[in-house]
Amino acid sequence: MAARRNVLETMEDCELIKRYRLNREGIKLVVELVRDAITSQTNRNNPISLEIKCLATLRYLATGKMQLCNADDLGISQLSVSRAINQTINFIRFPLDNQQLHRIKANFMAIAGMPGVVGAIDRTHIKIIRKKVHSINTQIVFDATFDILDVVAKWPGSTHDSHILMESGLRQDVALDTLSQSTTGSTVKV
């Protein structure tokens, strides 16, 4: 196994943006946002740093690149990449308690005058470079302060946006009363 690579020290911002869709400061912000949730509890067995966990996840989300290739790039095992992605993605949770939902609704009301909104949904196609051009249709839900509440990144690019929403855990966890379509995305009202 190759030595672990600290790409934050070896790559310029333009290269980081190509590979991770964020510059050095953006990556450091993500690391700080998830620090408490995914930091290893012990230093046994040479744990993977928080930065490398975040980089593995960001690379996967940004490019759809195979876990084995990400492992080779970062000098960790494929299993470690899989665990890092799972741990980081599982940190993102849609709030289901009344206090959090009330706070989010109040924030949307304050910034946009939109009552009852608990999340904004947008979708994007993440290109996967292979012999032909393929993409993953990815759905992201965020609150009024731009905290990510839910991510679904598992459907082929040809999948219709409404199908992704209806099959998502978000749809199953929250009773969606209405979806207001706009040109840039949707708002979720409960």
N, C-alpha and C. Protein backbone atom coordinates (compact mmCIF):
# COMPACT_ATOMS: atom_id res chain seq x y z
N MET A 1 0.84 -1.17 0.00
CA MET A 1 0.00 0.00 0.00
C MET A 1 0.89 1.24 0.00
N ALA A 2 0.54 2.20 -0.83
CA ALA A 2 1.31 3.45 -0.92
C ALA A 2 1.10 4.28 0.34
N ALA A 3 2.01 5.19 0.58
CA ALA A 3 1.88 6.09 1.73
C ALA A 3 0.69 7.01 1.52
N ARG A 4 0.03 7.38 2.62
CA ARG A 4 -1.10 8.29 2.53
C ARG A 4 -0.65 9.63 2.00
N ARG A 5 -1.43 10.16 1.08
CA ARG A 5 -1.11 11.44 0.44
C ARG A 5 -1.93 12.56 1.03
N ASN A 6 -1.29 13.64 1.36
CA ASN A 6 -2.01 14.82 1.81
C ASN A 6 -2.11 15.78 0.64
N VAL A 7 -3.19 15.66 -0.13
CA VAL A 7 -3.33 16.46 -1.34
C VAL A 7 -3.52 17.93 -1.03
N LEU A 8 -3.96 18.25 0.18
CA LEU A 8 -4.11 19.66 0.54
C LEU A 8 -2.75 20.37 0.57
N GLU A 9 -1.69 19.61 0.81
CA GLU A 9 -0.35 20.20 0.83
C GLU A 9 0.34 20.14 -0.52
N THR A 10 -0.08 19.23 -1.39
CA THR A 10 0.65 19.02 -2.64
C THR A 10 -0.04 19.57 -3.88
N MET A 11 -1.35 19.88 -3.81
CA MET A 11 -2.07 20.34 -4.99
C MET A 11 -2.41 21.82 -4.89
N GLU A 12 -2.40 22.45 -6.04
CA GLU A 12 -2.85 23.84 -6.15
C GLU A 12 -4.38 23.86 -6.14
N ASP A 13 -4.96 25.03 -5.86
CA ASP A 13 -6.42 25.16 -5.81
C ASP A 13 -7.09 24.73 -7.10
N CYS A 14 -6.51 25.07 -8.26
CA CYS A 14 -7.14 24.69 -9.53
C CYS A 14 -7.23 23.17 -9.68
N GLU A 15 -6.22 22.44 -9.21
CA GLU A 15 -6.25 20.98 -9.26
C GLU A 15 -7.26 20.42 -8.26
N LEU A 16 -7.33 21.02 -7.08
CA LEU A 16 -8.31 20.58 -6.08
C LEU A 16 -9.73 20.76 -6.61
N ILE A 17 -9.99 21.88 -7.25
CA ILE A 17 -11.33 22.14 -7.80
C ILE A 17 -11.67 21.11 -8.87
N LYS A 18 -10.71 20.76 -9.72
CA LYS A 18 -10.94 19.74 -10.76
C LYS A 18 -11.32 18.40 -10.15
N ARG A 19 -10.65 18.03 -9.08
CA ARG A 19 -10.82 16.70 -8.51
C ARG A 19 -11.88 16.61 -7.41
N TYR A 20 -12.05 17.68 -6.66
CA TYR A 20 -12.93 17.64 -5.49
C TYR A 20 -14.06 18.66 -5.54
N ARG A 21 -14.09 19.49 -6.56
CA ARG A 21 -15.10 20.53 -6.77
C ARG A 21 -15.04 21.64 -5.72
N LEU A 22 -14.01 21.65 -4.90
CA LEU A 22 -13.81 22.70 -3.90
C LEU A 22 -12.34 23.09 -3.86
N ASN A 23 -12.08 24.34 -3.51
CA ASN A 23 -10.69 24.76 -3.31
C ASN A 23 -10.26 24.38 -1.89
N ARG A 24 -9.03 24.71 -1.54
CA ARG A 24 -8.47 24.34 -0.23
C ARG A 24 -9.34 24.86 0.91
N GLU A 25 -9.78 26.11 0.83
CA GLU A 25 -10.60 26.69 1.90
C GLU A 25 -11.95 25.99 2.00
N GLY A 26 -12.55 25.65 0.86
CA GLY A 26 -13.83 24.93 0.86
C GLY A 26 -13.71 23.56 1.50
N ILE A 27 -12.62 22.86 1.18
CA ILE A 27 -12.39 21.54 1.77
C ILE A 27 -12.18 21.67 3.27
N LYS A 28 -11.41 22.67 3.69
CA LYS A 28 -11.19 22.87 5.13
C LYS A 28 -12.50 23.19 5.84
N LEU A 29 -13.40 23.93 5.18
CA LEU A 29 -14.71 24.23 5.77
C LEU A 29 -15.51 22.95 5.96
N VAL A 30 -15.52 22.08 4.96
CA VAL A 30 -16.23 20.80 5.08
C VAL A 30 -15.65 19.99 6.24
N VAL A 31 -14.33 19.94 6.33
CA VAL A 31 -13.67 19.20 7.41
C VAL A 31 -14.15 19.72 8.77
N GLU A 32 -14.20 21.04 8.92
CA GLU A 32 -14.64 21.61 10.20
C GLU A 32 -16.11 21.32 10.48
N LEU A 33 -16.94 21.30 9.44
CA LEU A 33 -18.37 21.03 9.63
C LEU A 33 -18.64 19.62 10.15
N VAL A 34 -17.79 18.66 9.73
CA VAL A 34 -18.04 17.27 10.11
C VAL A 34 -17.09 16.78 11.20
N ARG A 35 -16.18 17.64 11.65
CA ARG A 35 -15.14 17.23 12.61
C ARG A 35 -15.68 16.44 13.79
N ASP A 36 -16.65 16.96 14.51
CA ASP A 36 -17.14 16.29 15.72
C ASP A 36 -17.85 14.98 15.41
N ALA A 37 -18.47 14.90 14.25
CA ALA A 37 -19.26 13.72 13.92
C ALA A 37 -18.45 12.53 13.44
N ILE A 38 -17.31 12.77 12.76
CA ILE A 38 -16.62 11.63 12.15
C ILE A 38 -15.17 11.45 12.60
N THR A 39 -14.74 12.17 13.61
CA THR A 39 -13.39 11.99 14.12
C THR A 39 -13.28 10.63 14.80
N SER A 40 -12.19 9.90 14.53
CA SER A 40 -11.97 8.61 15.17
C SER A 40 -11.86 8.79 16.68
N GLN A 41 -12.43 7.88 17.41
CA GLN A 41 -12.45 7.96 18.86
C GLN A 41 -11.11 7.62 19.50
N THR A 42 -10.30 6.85 18.79
CA THR A 42 -8.99 6.45 19.31
C THR A 42 -7.94 6.63 18.23
N ASN A 43 -6.70 6.51 18.61
CA ASN A 43 -5.60 6.55 17.64
C ASN A 43 -5.06 5.15 17.35
N ARG A 44 -5.81 4.13 17.73
CA ARG A 44 -5.38 2.76 17.47
C ARG A 44 -5.37 2.46 15.99
N ASN A 45 -4.47 1.63 15.57
CA ASN A 45 -4.39 1.12 14.20
C ASN A 45 -4.22 2.21 13.15
N ASN A 46 -3.53 3.29 13.50
CA ASN A 46 -3.22 4.34 12.54
C ASN A 46 -4.48 4.81 11.80
N PRO A 47 -5.42 5.44 12.49
CA PRO A 47 -6.69 5.81 11.85
C PRO A 47 -6.49 6.82 10.72
N ILE A 48 -7.41 6.80 9.79
CA ILE A 48 -7.39 7.73 8.67
C ILE A 48 -7.76 9.11 9.19
N SER A 49 -7.03 10.11 8.75
CA SER A 49 -7.30 11.47 9.21
C SER A 49 -8.66 11.94 8.73
N LEU A 50 -9.18 12.88 9.44
CA LEU A 50 -10.46 13.49 9.08
C LEU A 50 -10.39 14.10 7.68
N GLU A 51 -9.27 14.72 7.36
CA GLU A 51 -9.10 15.33 6.05
C GLU A 51 -9.18 14.30 4.94
N ILE A 52 -8.53 13.16 5.12
CA ILE A 52 -8.54 12.12 4.08
C ILE A 52 -9.94 11.52 3.96
N LYS A 53 -10.64 11.33 5.08
CA LYS A 53 -12.03 10.85 5.01
C LYS A 53 -12.88 11.80 4.17
N CYS A 54 -12.75 13.09 4.44
CA CYS A 54 -13.51 14.08 3.69
C CYS A 54 -13.11 14.11 2.22
N LEU A 55 -11.81 14.03 1.95
CA LEU A 55 -11.35 14.03 0.57
C LEU A 55 -11.87 12.82 -0.21
N ALA A 56 -11.86 11.67 0.42
CA ALA A 56 -12.38 10.46 -0.24
C ALA A 56 -13.86 10.63 -0.58
N THR A 57 -14.61 11.19 0.35
CA THR A 57 -16.04 11.40 0.13
C THR A 57 -16.28 12.47 -0.94
N LEU A 58 -15.57 13.58 -0.84
CA LEU A 58 -15.75 14.65 -1.82
C LEU A 58 -15.40 14.18 -3.23
N ARG A 59 -14.33 13.40 -3.35
CA ARG A 59 -13.92 12.90 -4.67
C ARG A 59 -14.98 11.97 -5.24
N TYR A 60 -15.51 11.13 -4.40
CA TYR A 60 -16.56 10.22 -4.84
C TYR A 60 -17.80 11.00 -5.29
N LEU A 61 -18.22 11.98 -4.50
CA LEU A 61 -19.41 12.77 -4.84
C LEU A 61 -19.17 13.66 -6.07
N ALA A 62 -17.97 14.18 -6.19
CA ALA A 62 -17.66 15.10 -7.30
C ALA A 62 -17.50 14.38 -8.63
N THR A 63 -17.01 13.17 -8.60
CA THR A 63 -16.66 12.51 -9.87
C THR A 63 -17.33 11.17 -10.09
N GLY A 64 -17.83 10.55 -9.03
CA GLY A 64 -18.36 9.19 -9.17
C GLY A 64 -17.26 8.18 -9.42
N LYS A 65 -16.02 8.59 -9.18
CA LYS A 65 -14.86 7.73 -9.44
C LYS A 65 -14.91 6.49 -8.56
N MET A 66 -14.45 5.39 -9.10
CA MET A 66 -14.46 4.13 -8.36
C MET A 66 -13.67 4.24 -7.06
N GLN A 67 -14.14 3.57 -6.03
CA GLN A 67 -13.50 3.63 -4.72
C GLN A 67 -12.05 3.14 -4.77
N LEU A 68 -11.78 2.16 -5.57
CA LEU A 68 -10.41 1.64 -5.66
C LEU A 68 -9.45 2.70 -6.21
N CYS A 69 -9.92 3.45 -7.20
CA CYS A 69 -9.08 4.54 -7.75
C CYS A 69 -8.87 5.63 -6.71
N ASN A 70 -9.92 5.98 -5.97
CA ASN A 70 -9.76 6.97 -4.89
C ASN A 70 -8.78 6.46 -3.84
N ALA A 71 -8.85 5.18 -3.55
CA ALA A 71 -7.95 4.58 -2.56
C ALA A 71 -6.50 4.71 -3.04
N ASP A 72 -6.26 4.38 -4.30
CA ASP A 72 -4.92 4.49 -4.86
C ASP A 72 -4.42 5.94 -4.81
N ASP A 73 -5.29 6.88 -5.15
CA ASP A 73 -4.91 8.31 -5.15
C ASP A 73 -4.53 8.81 -3.77
N LEU A 74 -5.22 8.33 -2.74
CA LEU A 74 -5.01 8.83 -1.38
C LEU A 74 -4.10 7.95 -0.54
N GLY A 75 -3.73 6.78 -1.06
CA GLY A 75 -2.82 5.89 -0.33
C GLY A 75 -3.49 5.17 0.81
N ILE A 76 -4.78 4.81 0.64
CA ILE A 76 -5.52 4.04 1.64
C ILE A 76 -6.19 2.87 0.92
N SER A 77 -6.80 1.97 1.67
CA SER A 77 -7.45 0.81 1.05
C SER A 77 -8.84 1.17 0.52
N GLN A 78 -9.34 0.36 -0.39
CA GLN A 78 -10.69 0.55 -0.93
C GLN A 78 -11.71 0.45 0.19
N LEU A 79 -11.50 -0.49 1.12
CA LEU A 79 -12.42 -0.64 2.24
C LEU A 79 -12.44 0.63 3.10
N SER A 80 -11.28 1.25 3.27
CA SER A 80 -11.21 2.51 4.03
C SER A 80 -11.97 3.62 3.32
N VAL A 81 -11.88 3.67 1.99
CA VAL A 81 -12.64 4.67 1.23
C VAL A 81 -14.13 4.42 1.44
N SER A 82 -14.55 3.17 1.33
CA SER A 82 -15.96 2.84 1.52
C SER A 82 -16.45 3.25 2.90
N ARG A 83 -15.68 2.95 3.92
CA ARG A 83 -16.06 3.32 5.28
C ARG A 83 -16.12 4.84 5.45
N ALA A 84 -15.14 5.54 4.88
CA ALA A 84 -15.10 7.00 4.99
C ALA A 84 -16.33 7.63 4.33
N ILE A 85 -16.67 7.16 3.13
CA ILE A 85 -17.84 7.68 2.43
C ILE A 85 -19.10 7.41 3.25
N ASN A 86 -19.24 6.19 3.72
CA ASN A 86 -20.42 5.82 4.51
C ASN A 86 -20.52 6.67 5.78
N GLN A 87 -19.43 6.82 6.48
CA GLN A 87 -19.43 7.58 7.73
C GLN A 87 -19.75 9.06 7.47
N THR A 88 -19.17 9.64 6.44
CA THR A 88 -19.38 11.05 6.15
C THR A 88 -20.79 11.30 5.63
N ILE A 89 -21.24 10.49 4.70
CA ILE A 89 -22.58 10.66 4.14
C ILE A 89 -23.64 10.43 5.22
N ASN A 90 -23.43 9.46 6.08
CA ASN A 90 -24.41 9.18 7.13
C ASN A 90 -24.51 10.30 8.16
N PHE A 91 -23.53 11.21 8.16
CA PHE A 91 -23.58 12.38 9.04
C PHE A 91 -24.71 13.31 8.62
N ILE A 92 -25.04 13.32 7.32
CA ILE A 92 -26.08 14.19 6.79
C ILE A 92 -27.44 13.55 7.09
N ARG A 93 -28.27 14.25 7.84
CA ARG A 93 -29.58 13.74 8.22
C ARG A 93 -30.62 14.84 8.13
N PHE A 94 -31.77 14.49 7.59
CA PHE A 94 -32.87 15.43 7.57
C PHE A 94 -33.45 15.54 8.98
N PRO A 95 -33.65 16.77 9.47
CA PRO A 95 -34.15 16.93 10.84
C PRO A 95 -35.61 16.49 10.94
N LEU A 96 -35.91 15.68 11.92
CA LEU A 96 -37.27 15.20 12.08
C LEU A 96 -37.93 15.64 13.39
N ASP A 97 -37.18 16.28 14.28
CA ASP A 97 -37.82 16.71 15.51
C ASP A 97 -38.45 18.08 15.32
N ASN A 98 -39.52 18.33 16.05
CA ASN A 98 -40.32 19.54 15.87
C ASN A 98 -39.52 20.82 16.09
N GLN A 99 -38.60 20.82 17.04
CA GLN A 99 -37.82 22.02 17.33
C GLN A 99 -36.96 22.41 16.13
N GLN A 100 -36.26 21.43 15.55
CA GLN A 100 -35.42 21.72 14.38
C GLN A 100 -36.28 22.16 13.19
N LEU A 101 -37.38 21.46 12.96
CA LEU A 101 -38.25 21.81 11.84
C LEU A 101 -38.82 23.23 12.01
N HIS A 102 -39.20 23.59 13.22
CA HIS A 102 -39.73 24.93 13.48
C HIS A 102 -38.66 26.00 13.20
N ARG A 103 -37.42 25.74 13.63
CA ARG A 103 -36.32 26.68 13.40
C ARG A 103 -36.07 26.86 11.91
N ILE A 104 -36.06 25.76 11.15
CA ILE A 104 -35.82 25.84 9.71
C ILE A 104 -36.95 26.61 9.02
N LYS A 105 -38.20 26.32 9.41
CA LYS A 105 -39.33 27.04 8.83
C LYS A 105 -39.22 28.54 9.10
N ALA A 106 -38.84 28.90 10.32
CA ALA A 106 -38.69 30.31 10.69
C ALA A 106 -37.59 30.97 9.85
N ASN A 107 -36.49 30.26 9.62
CA ASN A 107 -35.39 30.81 8.81
C ASN A 107 -35.83 31.06 7.37
N PHE A 108 -36.54 30.10 6.77
CA PHE A 108 -37.03 30.30 5.40
C PHE A 108 -38.03 31.46 5.35
N MET A 109 -38.88 31.55 6.36
CA MET A 109 -39.85 32.64 6.41
C MET A 109 -39.13 33.98 6.49
N ALA A 110 -38.07 34.03 7.29
CA ALA A 110 -37.33 35.29 7.48
C ALA A 110 -36.59 35.72 6.21
N ILE A 111 -36.03 34.78 5.46
CA ILE A 111 -35.24 35.19 4.30
C ILE A 111 -36.05 35.28 3.02
N ALA A 112 -37.16 34.55 2.92
CA ALA A 112 -37.88 34.53 1.65
C ALA A 112 -39.39 34.73 1.80
N GLY A 113 -39.89 34.85 3.04
CA GLY A 113 -41.33 35.02 3.23
C GLY A 113 -42.13 33.81 2.80
N MET A 114 -41.51 32.65 2.89
CA MET A 114 -42.16 31.41 2.47
C MET A 114 -42.54 30.59 3.69
N PRO A 115 -43.82 30.52 4.02
CA PRO A 115 -44.24 29.78 5.21
C PRO A 115 -44.19 28.26 5.01
N GLY A 116 -43.83 27.54 6.07
CA GLY A 116 -43.89 26.09 6.07
C GLY A 116 -42.80 25.36 5.30
N VAL A 117 -41.79 26.06 4.81
CA VAL A 117 -40.73 25.42 4.02
C VAL A 117 -39.65 24.88 4.96
N VAL A 118 -39.29 23.61 4.78
CA VAL A 118 -38.25 22.99 5.60
C VAL A 118 -37.03 22.56 4.80
N GLY A 119 -37.04 22.80 3.50
CA GLY A 119 -35.88 22.44 2.71
C GLY A 119 -36.04 22.86 1.28
N ALA A 120 -34.92 23.13 0.65
CA ALA A 120 -34.88 23.43 -0.78
C ALA A 120 -34.18 22.28 -1.47
N ILE A 121 -34.76 21.82 -2.57
CA ILE A 121 -34.22 20.68 -3.30
C ILE A 121 -33.65 21.17 -4.62
N ASP A 122 -32.48 20.66 -4.95
CA ASP A 122 -31.94 20.91 -6.27
C ASP A 122 -31.30 19.61 -6.73
N ARG A 123 -31.19 19.46 -8.01
CA ARG A 123 -30.59 18.28 -8.57
C ARG A 123 -29.52 18.69 -9.57
N THR A 124 -28.55 17.83 -9.74
CA THR A 124 -27.51 18.07 -10.72
C THR A 124 -27.05 16.73 -11.27
N HIS A 125 -26.50 16.78 -12.45
CA HIS A 125 -25.92 15.58 -13.05
C HIS A 125 -24.42 15.60 -12.82
N ILE A 126 -23.92 14.55 -12.22
CA ILE A 126 -22.48 14.41 -12.00
C ILE A 126 -21.95 13.50 -13.09
N LYS A 127 -21.06 14.03 -13.92
CA LYS A 127 -20.55 13.28 -15.06
C LYS A 127 -19.58 12.20 -14.58
N ILE A 128 -19.74 11.01 -15.17
CA ILE A 128 -18.82 9.91 -14.93
C ILE A 128 -18.09 9.67 -16.24
N ILE A 129 -16.78 9.75 -16.20
CA ILE A 129 -16.01 9.62 -17.42
C ILE A 129 -15.66 8.15 -17.63
N ARG A 130 -16.23 7.59 -18.67
CA ARG A 130 -15.93 6.22 -19.09
C ARG A 130 -15.83 6.23 -20.60
N LYS A 131 -16.05 5.08 -21.25
CA LYS A 131 -15.98 5.05 -22.71
C LYS A 131 -17.03 5.96 -23.33
N LYS A 132 -18.21 5.96 -22.75
CA LYS A 132 -19.27 6.87 -23.17
C LYS A 132 -19.52 7.83 -22.02
N VAL A 133 -20.25 8.89 -22.29
CA VAL A 133 -20.54 9.86 -21.22
C VAL A 133 -21.76 9.36 -20.45
N HIS A 134 -21.59 9.19 -19.15
CA HIS A 134 -22.67 8.79 -18.26
C HIS A 134 -22.74 9.81 -17.14
N SER A 135 -23.85 9.81 -16.42
CA SER A 135 -23.94 10.71 -15.28
C SER A 135 -24.81 10.09 -14.20
N ILE A 136 -24.65 10.62 -13.00
CA ILE A 136 -25.51 10.26 -11.87
C ILE A 136 -26.37 11.48 -11.59
N ASN A 137 -27.67 11.27 -11.52
CA ASN A 137 -28.60 12.35 -11.19
C ASN A 137 -28.64 12.45 -9.67
N THR A 138 -28.12 13.53 -9.13
CA THR A 138 -27.94 13.68 -7.68
C THR A 138 -28.90 14.72 -7.14
N GLN A 139 -29.61 14.37 -6.06
CA GLN A 139 -30.54 15.27 -5.40
C GLN A 139 -29.95 15.71 -4.06
N ILE A 140 -29.98 17.01 -3.80
CA ILE A 140 -29.49 17.55 -2.54
C ILE A 140 -30.57 18.45 -1.94
N VAL A 141 -30.81 18.29 -0.64
CA VAL A 141 -31.76 19.14 0.08
C VAL A 141 -30.97 19.94 1.10
N PHE A 142 -31.23 21.25 1.16
CA PHE A 142 -30.53 22.08 2.13
C PHE A 142 -31.51 23.02 2.80
N ASP A 143 -31.09 23.53 3.97
CA ASP A 143 -31.96 24.44 4.71
C ASP A 143 -31.62 25.88 4.38
N ALA A 144 -32.25 26.82 5.08
CA ALA A 144 -32.09 28.24 4.79
C ALA A 144 -30.69 28.76 5.08
N THR A 145 -29.91 28.02 5.87
CA THR A 145 -28.53 28.43 6.16
C THR A 145 -27.52 27.62 5.33
N PHE A 146 -28.02 26.92 4.31
CA PHE A 146 -27.22 26.14 3.36
C PHE A 146 -26.58 24.91 3.98
N ASP A 147 -27.10 24.44 5.11
CA ASP A 147 -26.65 23.16 5.64
C ASP A 147 -27.32 22.07 4.82
N ILE A 148 -26.54 21.07 4.42
CA ILE A 148 -27.09 19.97 3.64
C ILE A 148 -27.85 19.04 4.58
N LEU A 149 -29.09 18.76 4.23
CA LEU A 149 -29.95 17.92 5.06
C LEU A 149 -30.11 16.51 4.49
N ASP A 150 -29.96 16.35 3.18
CA ASP A 150 -30.18 15.05 2.55
C ASP A 150 -29.47 15.01 1.20
N VAL A 151 -28.87 13.87 0.88
CA VAL A 151 -28.22 13.66 -0.41
C VAL A 151 -28.65 12.31 -0.94
N VAL A 152 -29.04 12.28 -2.20
CA VAL A 152 -29.32 11.02 -2.89
C VAL A 152 -28.47 11.03 -4.15
N ALA A 153 -27.48 10.15 -4.21
CA ALA A 153 -26.57 10.11 -5.36
C ALA A 153 -26.43 8.69 -5.85
N LYS A 154 -27.55 8.11 -6.31
CA LYS A 154 -27.48 6.71 -6.72
C LYS A 154 -28.23 6.39 -8.01
N TRP A 155 -28.86 7.39 -8.63
CA TRP A 155 -29.68 7.11 -9.80
C TRP A 155 -28.95 7.51 -11.08
N PRO A 156 -29.14 6.74 -12.16
CA PRO A 156 -28.53 7.10 -13.44
C PRO A 156 -29.07 8.45 -13.92
N GLY A 157 -28.29 9.12 -14.75
CA GLY A 157 -28.67 10.44 -15.24
C GLY A 157 -30.00 10.48 -15.96
N SER A 158 -30.44 9.37 -16.52
CA SER A 158 -31.70 9.34 -17.26
C SER A 158 -32.92 9.28 -16.35
N THR A 159 -32.72 9.09 -15.04
CA THR A 159 -33.83 8.98 -14.11
C THR A 159 -34.49 10.34 -13.91
N HIS A 160 -35.82 10.36 -13.99
CA HIS A 160 -36.57 11.62 -13.83
C HIS A 160 -36.46 12.12 -12.39
N ASP A 161 -36.36 13.45 -12.25
CA ASP A 161 -36.21 14.06 -10.93
C ASP A 161 -37.32 13.67 -9.96
N SER A 162 -38.56 13.62 -10.44
CA SER A 162 -39.68 13.30 -9.54
C SER A 162 -39.57 11.86 -9.03
N HIS A 163 -39.04 10.97 -9.85
CA HIS A 163 -38.86 9.57 -9.42
C HIS A 163 -37.83 9.49 -8.28
N ILE A 164 -36.74 10.26 -8.42
CA ILE A 164 -35.71 10.27 -7.37
C ILE A 164 -36.30 10.74 -6.06
N LEU A 165 -37.09 11.81 -6.09
CA LEU A 165 -37.72 12.33 -4.87
C LEU A 165 -38.67 11.30 -4.27
N MET A 166 -39.50 10.70 -5.10
CA MET A 166 -40.50 9.75 -4.59
C MET A 166 -39.87 8.49 -4.02
N GLU A 167 -38.68 8.13 -4.48
CA GLU A 167 -38.00 6.93 -3.99
C GLU A 167 -37.00 7.24 -2.88
N SER A 168 -36.81 8.50 -2.56
CA SER A 168 -35.79 8.88 -1.58
C SER A 168 -36.26 8.60 -0.15
N GLY A 169 -35.29 8.48 0.73
CA GLY A 169 -35.59 8.33 2.15
C GLY A 169 -36.32 9.54 2.68
N LEU A 170 -36.05 10.71 2.11
CA LEU A 170 -36.73 11.93 2.51
C LEU A 170 -38.23 11.78 2.31
N ARG A 171 -38.63 11.27 1.19
CA ARG A 171 -40.06 11.08 0.89
C ARG A 171 -40.69 10.10 1.87
N GLN A 172 -39.92 9.10 2.26
CA GLN A 172 -40.45 8.10 3.17
C GLN A 172 -40.47 8.59 4.61
N ASP A 173 -39.54 9.48 4.99
CA ASP A 173 -39.46 9.98 6.36
C ASP A 173 -40.38 11.15 6.64
N VAL A 174 -40.64 11.96 5.64
CA VAL A 174 -41.41 13.19 5.83
C VAL A 174 -42.62 13.15 4.90
N ALA A 175 -43.78 13.47 5.44
CA ALA A 175 -44.97 13.56 4.61
C ALA A 175 -44.89 14.86 3.82
N LEU A 176 -44.68 14.75 2.53
CA LEU A 176 -44.55 15.94 1.69
C LEU A 176 -45.93 16.38 1.22
N ASP A 177 -46.38 17.54 1.68
CA ASP A 177 -47.69 18.04 1.29
C ASP A 177 -47.69 18.60 -0.12
N THR A 178 -46.69 19.45 -0.41
CA THR A 178 -46.64 20.06 -1.74
C THR A 178 -45.19 20.22 -2.16
N LEU A 179 -45.01 20.21 -3.42
CA LEU A 179 -43.70 20.55 -3.99
C LEU A 179 -43.93 21.71 -4.93
N SER A 180 -43.30 22.84 -4.67
CA SER A 180 -43.43 24.01 -5.52
C SER A 180 -42.26 24.04 -6.49
N GLN A 181 -42.53 23.82 -7.76
CA GLN A 181 -41.47 23.79 -8.76
C GLN A 181 -41.03 25.21 -9.11
N SER A 182 -39.77 25.38 -9.34
CA SER A 182 -39.22 26.62 -9.87
C SER A 182 -38.17 26.24 -10.88
N THR A 183 -37.59 27.21 -11.54
CA THR A 183 -36.62 26.89 -12.57
C THR A 183 -35.32 26.36 -11.98
N THR A 184 -35.04 26.66 -10.71
CA THR A 184 -33.77 26.21 -10.13
C THR A 184 -33.92 25.03 -9.20
N GLY A 185 -35.10 24.65 -8.86
CA GLY A 185 -35.26 23.54 -7.94
C GLY A 185 -36.66 23.53 -7.35
N SER A 186 -36.80 22.96 -6.18
CA SER A 186 -38.08 22.83 -5.54
C SER A 186 -37.94 23.20 -4.08
N THR A 187 -39.06 23.51 -3.47
CA THR A 187 -39.06 23.70 -2.03
C THR A 187 -39.92 22.61 -1.43
N VAL A 188 -39.54 22.13 -0.28
CA VAL A 188 -40.26 21.07 0.38
C VAL A 188 -41.09 21.70 1.50
N LYS A 189 -42.39 21.46 1.48
CA LYS A 189 -43.26 21.98 2.52
C LYS A 189 -43.88 20.83 3.28
N VAL A 190 -43.95 20.95 4.60
CA VAL A 190 -44.66 19.94 5.39
C VAL A 190 -45.70 20.61 6.23
